[in-house]
Amino acid sequence: METTSRHFTWTSVLVHSFHWSCPRPILKRVAATPMSRSKPRCVRVEQYSLVQKQDKSTPRLLLRKVPPMDGPPRFSSPKLNQVRVEQYSLVQNQDKSTPRLLLRKVPPMDGPPHFSSPKLNQVTHSHSSSVSPSFSPSPPVSQRKKERKKKRKKERKKKERKKKEKKKKERKKKRKKERKKKERKKKEKKKKEREKKRKKRKKKKKKERKKKKRKRKKERKKKDRKKKKERKREKRKKEKRKKEKKEKRKKEKRKKRKRKKKKKKERRKRKKKEKKKAKKEKRKKERKKKRQKKEK
């Protein structure tokens, strides 16, 4: 952003803390302009009185620029002599040994830092329109008191209005909450009923399934028993046939053996008989021979 002589970068440094006799912190204003970038410390001391410290959400100090304590009003126009209120945001709170507040003016626009010194750039980075060096005198004490009273009354009313609005909002919130709660309860009730019906249907279906399952099981068992009986019957028949076959084979074998034995016996008997016959014939022949020999 290009800066003209009408735009400055300010660093406001608190050089004097509050005092009971003079509740005005004196601020030293340091200015840097494009024309004086080589010498950026044109120091001017001005007086400010603290108007209001805002809440934590917006950490800004509202400061009011006041003229020097002594001397008549500077301007003939009463509008120019009015007190000027300007906003500054808190940059840094220094330690207790040196009670100083580093303040920077709230910028209306963005832009790069103007100081060539890096130390100064740490303190301030904001731009603001130049403030007229002319001052207007403070109003008399009684007027200030009246203004303060008026301001307090205004603030009190504002607080009360805020309180009422807050209560109204809370009531609205409460009603909304109650309505939502009722709706939620209604929904939950409906949900529960649906769930109940669903569970009932589920139970019924389960019961039916179980019934069918039992029936199928019973039928299957019946069939199985029938099949088992059939198998057993077949088995017995098979075994019987097997046994009969075995017995038949046994009988046949026995018969065969008997036949064989008989044949063997008969063969032996026959052989014996034949042997005996042969022996007899032999003896007969020998006797005949002997007799014939004797006769000779």
Protein backbone atom coordinates (compact mmCIF):
# COMPACT_ATOMS: atom_id res chain seq x y z
CA MET A 1 0.00 0.00 0.00
CA GLU A 2 1.41 3.41 -0.96
CA THR A 3 1.51 5.91 1.91
CA THR A 4 1.11 9.66 1.51
CA SER A 5 1.88 12.39 4.06
CA ARG A 6 -1.69 11.93 5.36
CA HIS A 7 -1.02 8.28 6.40
CA PHE A 8 1.32 7.31 9.22
CA THR A 9 2.35 4.22 11.12
CA TRP A 10 2.12 4.95 14.84
CA THR A 11 3.58 3.32 17.94
CA SER A 12 2.00 4.67 21.12
CA VAL A 13 4.10 4.02 24.23
CA LEU A 14 2.82 4.72 27.73
CA VAL A 15 5.49 6.88 29.43
CA HIS A 16 3.57 7.80 32.54
CA SER A 17 1.23 5.58 34.61
CA PHE A 18 -2.05 6.71 36.22
CA HIS A 19 -1.91 9.14 39.10
CA TRP A 20 -4.74 10.08 41.49
CA SER A 21 -4.30 13.80 40.80
CA CYS A 22 -4.07 13.36 37.04
CA PRO A 23 -5.81 10.14 35.86
CA ARG A 24 -4.35 10.48 32.35
CA PRO A 25 -1.64 8.20 31.02
CA ILE A 26 0.81 10.21 28.96
CA LEU A 27 1.57 8.51 25.66
CA LYS A 28 4.59 9.11 23.51
CA ARG A 29 3.69 8.78 19.83
CA VAL A 30 6.38 7.64 17.38
CA ALA A 31 5.65 8.34 13.71
CA ALA A 32 7.21 7.06 10.50
CA THR A 33 6.38 8.55 7.11
CA PRO A 34 7.64 7.62 3.60
CA MET A 35 9.52 10.92 3.53
CA SER A 36 11.34 10.28 6.84
CA ARG A 37 12.19 6.58 6.54
CA SER A 38 15.88 7.18 7.33
CA LYS A 39 14.86 9.01 10.57
CA PRO A 40 11.66 7.22 11.70
CA ARG A 41 11.49 8.58 15.26
CA CYS A 42 9.70 11.93 15.23
CA VAL A 43 8.58 11.90 18.90
CA ARG A 44 5.57 13.82 20.12
CA VAL A 45 4.09 13.47 23.65
CA GLU A 46 0.31 13.53 23.91
CA GLN A 47 -2.08 12.94 26.79
CA TYR A 48 -4.85 10.28 26.79
CA SER A 49 -7.38 9.35 29.42
CA LEU A 50 -8.61 5.77 29.71
CA VAL A 51 -12.33 5.51 28.83
CA GLN A 52 -13.06 1.76 28.92
CA LYS A 53 -11.30 -1.58 28.84
CA GLN A 54 -13.39 -3.99 26.76
CA ASP A 55 -14.10 -7.68 27.41
CA LYS A 56 -11.67 -10.54 26.73
CA SER A 57 -13.25 -11.46 23.38
CA THR A 58 -12.03 -8.10 21.95
CA PRO A 59 -8.87 -7.12 23.87
CA ARG A 60 -8.89 -3.41 23.05
CA LEU A 61 -8.46 -0.30 25.14
CA LEU A 62 -10.74 2.64 24.38
CA LEU A 63 -8.70 5.79 24.83
CA ARG A 64 -9.86 9.36 24.65
CA LYS A 65 -7.46 12.03 23.45
CA VAL A 66 -7.55 15.02 25.79
CA PRO A 67 -5.92 18.48 25.43
CA PRO A 68 -3.23 19.83 27.80
CA MET A 69 -4.69 20.61 31.25
CA ASP A 70 -4.09 24.31 31.23
CA GLY A 71 -5.17 26.82 28.64
CA PRO A 72 -8.43 28.03 26.99
CA PRO A 73 -10.27 26.15 24.20
CA ARG A 74 -8.19 26.23 21.03
CA PHE A 75 -11.04 26.41 18.53
CA SER A 76 -13.93 28.83 18.17
CA SER A 77 -16.15 25.94 16.87
CA PRO A 78 -17.72 24.00 19.82
CA LYS A 79 -17.80 20.86 17.60
CA LEU A 80 -14.02 20.96 17.29
CA ASN A 81 -13.61 21.39 21.06
CA GLN A 82 -15.51 18.11 21.71
CA VAL A 83 -13.56 15.19 23.21
CA ARG A 84 -12.27 12.73 20.61
CA VAL A 85 -12.51 8.96 21.34
CA GLU A 86 -10.17 6.59 19.51
CA GLN A 87 -9.69 2.81 19.73
CA TYR A 88 -6.34 1.15 20.37
CA SER A 89 -5.60 -2.52 20.68
CA LEU A 90 -3.27 -3.90 23.33
CA VAL A 91 0.02 -5.11 21.82
CA GLN A 92 2.06 -6.03 24.86
CA ASN A 93 1.82 -5.86 28.65
CA GLN A 94 5.26 -5.21 30.05
CA ASP A 95 6.58 -6.41 33.43
CA LYS A 96 5.61 -4.76 36.78
CA SER A 97 8.98 -3.07 37.29
CA THR A 98 8.32 -0.72 34.31
CA PRO A 99 4.58 0.08 34.17
CA ARG A 100 4.27 0.61 30.42
CA LEU A 101 1.57 -0.34 27.96
CA LEU A 102 2.51 -0.79 24.33
CA LEU A 103 -0.53 0.18 22.30
CA ARG A 104 -1.27 0.12 18.58
CA LYS A 105 -4.09 1.91 16.82
CA VAL A 106 -6.78 -0.35 15.30
CA PRO A 107 -6.04 -0.30 11.55
CA PRO A 108 -8.72 0.51 8.99
CA MET A 109 -6.59 -1.14 6.26
CA ASP A 110 -3.82 -3.72 5.85
CA GLY A 111 -0.30 -3.28 4.53
CA PRO A 112 3.41 -3.95 5.17
CA PRO A 113 5.28 -2.51 8.23
CA HIS A 114 6.63 0.99 7.70
CA PHE A 115 9.60 1.06 10.08
CA SER A 116 13.06 0.28 8.74
CA SER A 117 14.13 -0.71 12.28
CA PRO A 118 13.22 -4.39 13.00
CA LYS A 119 12.89 -3.58 16.72
CA LEU A 120 10.18 -1.03 16.01
CA ASN A 121 8.45 -3.40 13.61
CA GLN A 122 8.10 -5.93 16.44
CA VAL A 123 5.96 -3.43 18.35
CA THR A 124 3.65 -2.11 15.63
CA HIS A 125 2.50 -3.32 12.23
CA SER A 126 -0.67 -1.30 11.72
CA HIS A 127 -1.73 1.60 9.50
CA SER A 128 -4.07 4.41 10.47
CA SER A 129 -5.16 7.78 9.19
CA SER A 130 -3.14 10.69 10.55
CA VAL A 131 -4.58 12.38 13.61
CA SER A 132 -4.67 16.16 13.73
CA PRO A 133 -2.09 17.52 16.23
CA SER A 134 -4.52 20.23 17.38
CA PHE A 135 -6.25 19.68 20.75
CA SER A 136 -9.56 20.76 22.22
CA PRO A 137 -9.74 21.74 25.94
CA SER A 138 -11.37 19.52 28.59
CA PRO A 139 -14.89 20.45 29.69
CA PRO A 140 -15.35 21.76 33.31
CA VAL A 141 -15.42 19.24 36.24
CA SER A 142 -19.20 19.55 36.92
CA GLN A 143 -19.94 18.90 33.27
CA ARG A 144 -17.60 15.93 33.32
CA LYS A 145 -19.37 14.60 36.41
CA LYS A 146 -22.75 15.00 34.74
CA GLU A 147 -21.45 13.27 31.65
CA ARG A 148 -20.04 10.42 33.75
CA LYS A 149 -23.38 10.11 35.60
CA LYS A 150 -25.25 10.15 32.31
CA LYS A 151 -22.85 7.58 30.91
CA ARG A 152 -23.22 5.33 33.99
CA LYS A 153 -27.02 5.59 33.73
CA LYS A 154 -26.82 4.74 30.04
CA GLU A 155 -24.53 1.82 30.77
CA ARG A 156 -26.83 0.61 33.60
CA LYS A 157 -29.83 0.79 31.29
CA LYS A 158 -27.82 -0.99 28.62
CA LYS A 159 -26.86 -3.70 31.15
CA GLU A 160 -30.49 -4.05 32.28
CA ARG A 161 -31.65 -4.27 28.68
CA LYS A 162 -28.97 -6.87 28.00
CA LYS A 163 -30.01 -8.76 31.13
CA LYS A 164 -33.66 -8.71 30.02
CA GLU A 165 -32.70 -9.81 26.53
CA LYS A 166 -30.54 -12.55 28.04
CA LYS A 167 -33.43 -13.74 30.22
CA LYS A 168 -35.77 -13.60 27.24
CA LYS A 169 -33.29 -15.61 25.19
CA GLU A 170 -32.87 -18.10 28.04
CA ARG A 171 -36.67 -18.50 28.35
CA LYS A 172 -36.87 -18.98 24.59
CA LYS A 173 -34.02 -21.46 24.77
CA LYS A 174 -35.70 -23.27 27.66
CA ARG A 175 -39.03 -23.47 25.80
CA LYS A 176 -37.19 -24.73 22.72
CA LYS A 177 -35.36 -27.27 24.85
CA GLU A 178 -38.63 -28.42 26.45
CA ARG A 179 -40.30 -28.67 23.04
CA LYS A 180 -37.37 -30.63 21.70
CA LYS A 181 -37.44 -32.83 24.78
CA LYS A 182 -41.17 -33.52 24.28
CA GLU A 183 -40.63 -34.25 20.61
CA ARG A 184 -37.72 -36.50 21.47
CA LYS A 185 -39.85 -38.34 24.04
CA LYS A 186 -42.65 -38.71 21.51
CA LYS A 187 -40.20 -40.03 18.94
CA GLU A 188 -38.69 -42.40 21.49
CA LYS A 189 -42.17 -43.64 22.44
CA LYS A 190 -43.01 -44.26 18.79
CA LYS A 191 -39.66 -45.93 18.31
CA LYS A 192 -40.25 -48.15 21.33
CA GLU A 193 -43.71 -49.12 20.05
CA ARG A 194 -42.25 -49.91 16.63
CA GLU A 195 -39.53 -51.92 18.30
CA LYS A 196 -42.09 -53.76 20.41
CA LYS A 197 -44.17 -54.63 17.33
CA ARG A 198 -41.06 -55.68 15.45
CA LYS A 199 -39.96 -57.89 18.34
CA LYS A 200 -43.44 -59.41 18.51
CA ARG A 201 -43.37 -60.16 14.76
CA LYS A 202 -39.87 -61.55 15.12
CA LYS A 203 -40.96 -63.76 18.02
CA LYS A 204 -43.96 -65.02 16.06
CA LYS A 205 -41.82 -65.79 13.02
CA LYS A 206 -39.28 -67.50 15.21
CA LYS A 207 -42.01 -69.61 16.79
CA GLU A 208 -43.35 -70.59 13.38
CA ARG A 209 -39.86 -71.42 12.16
CA LYS A 210 -39.28 -73.56 15.23
CA LYS A 211 -42.60 -75.33 14.70
CA LYS A 212 -41.75 -76.06 11.06
CA LYS A 213 -38.30 -77.17 12.07
CA ARG A 214 -39.71 -79.57 14.69
CA LYS A 215 -42.18 -80.94 12.14
CA ARG A 216 -39.43 -81.47 9.57
CA LYS A 217 -37.26 -83.09 12.21
CA LYS A 218 -40.08 -85.42 13.22
CA GLU A 219 -40.72 -86.41 9.62
CA ARG A 220 -37.03 -86.88 8.99
CA LYS A 221 -36.73 -89.05 12.09
CA LYS A 222 -39.70 -91.10 10.97
CA LYS A 223 -38.15 -91.58 7.54
CA ASP A 224 -34.81 -92.39 9.12
CA ARG A 225 -36.38 -95.00 11.36
CA LYS A 226 -38.15 -96.54 8.38
CA LYS A 227 -34.92 -96.56 6.39
CA LYS A 228 -33.05 -98.04 9.33
CA LYS A 229 -35.60 -100.81 9.70
CA GLU A 230 -35.40 -101.48 5.98
CA ARG A 231 -31.63 -101.59 6.10
CA LYS A 232 -31.71 -103.94 9.08
CA ARG A 233 -34.16 -106.21 7.31
CA GLU A 234 -31.97 -106.25 4.20
CA LYS A 235 -28.93 -106.93 6.34
CA ARG A 236 -30.61 -109.84 8.07
CA LYS A 237 -31.72 -111.23 4.72
CA LYS A 238 -28.21 -110.88 3.35
CA GLU A 239 -26.70 -112.52 6.40
CA LYS A 240 -29.24 -115.33 6.20
CA ARG A 241 -28.42 -115.90 2.55
CA LYS A 242 -24.73 -115.81 3.38
CA LYS A 243 -25.21 -118.29 6.21
CA GLU A 244 -27.26 -120.58 4.03
CA LYS A 245 -24.62 -120.43 1.32
CA LYS A 246 -21.95 -121.18 3.89
CA GLU A 247 -23.91 -124.09 5.29
CA LYS A 248 -24.53 -125.40 1.80
CA ARG A 249 -20.85 -125.17 0.98
CA LYS A 250 -20.02 -126.88 4.25
CA LYS A 251 -22.47 -129.69 3.53
CA GLU A 252 -21.14 -130.12 0.04
CA LYS A 253 -17.60 -130.17 1.33
CA ARG A 254 -18.56 -132.73 3.96
CA LYS A 255 -20.29 -134.85 1.34
CA LYS A 256 -17.27 -134.56 -0.93
CA ARG A 257 -14.96 -135.50 1.91
CA LYS A 258 -17.20 -138.48 2.79
CA ARG A 259 -17.30 -139.56 -0.84
CA LYS A 260 -13.56 -139.24 -1.06
CA LYS A 261 -13.11 -141.20 2.16
CA LYS A 262 -15.49 -143.87 0.99
CA LYS A 263 -13.75 -144.10 -2.35
CA LYS A 264 -10.40 -144.31 -0.58
CA LYS A 265 -11.68 -146.99 1.75
CA GLU A 266 -13.17 -148.90 -1.09
CA ARG A 267 -9.93 -148.57 -3.07
CA ARG A 268 -7.90 -149.77 -0.09
CA LYS A 269 -10.36 -152.65 0.46
CA ARG A 270 -10.17 -153.57 -3.17
CA LYS A 271 -6.40 -153.41 -3.21
CA LYS A 272 -6.28 -155.50 -0.01
CA LYS A 273 -8.63 -158.02 -1.56
CA GLU A 274 -6.61 -158.07 -4.74
CA LYS A 275 -3.40 -158.47 -2.73
CA LYS A 276 -4.96 -161.30 -0.73
CA LYS A 277 -6.19 -162.94 -3.91
CA ALA A 278 -2.76 -162.56 -5.52
CA LYS A 279 -1.12 -164.04 -2.43
CA LYS A 280 -3.59 -166.90 -2.43
CA GLU A 281 -2.96 -167.50 -6.12
CA LYS A 282 0.75 -167.39 -5.51
CA ARG A 283 0.53 -169.90 -2.65
CA LYS A 284 -1.74 -172.07 -4.79
CA LYS A 285 0.80 -171.98 -7.62
CA GLU A 286 3.66 -172.71 -5.23
CA ARG A 287 1.77 -175.70 -3.73
CA LYS A 288 0.98 -176.91 -7.22
CA LYS A 289 4.62 -176.58 -8.15
CA LYS A 290 5.71 -178.41 -5.01
CA ARG A 291 3.21 -181.18 -5.65
CA GLN A 292 4.31 -181.53 -9.23
CA LYS A 293 7.92 -181.69 -8.04
CA LYS A 294 7.04 -184.39 -5.56
CA GLU A 295 5.20 -186.38 -8.15
CA LYS A 296 8.22 -186.39 -10.40
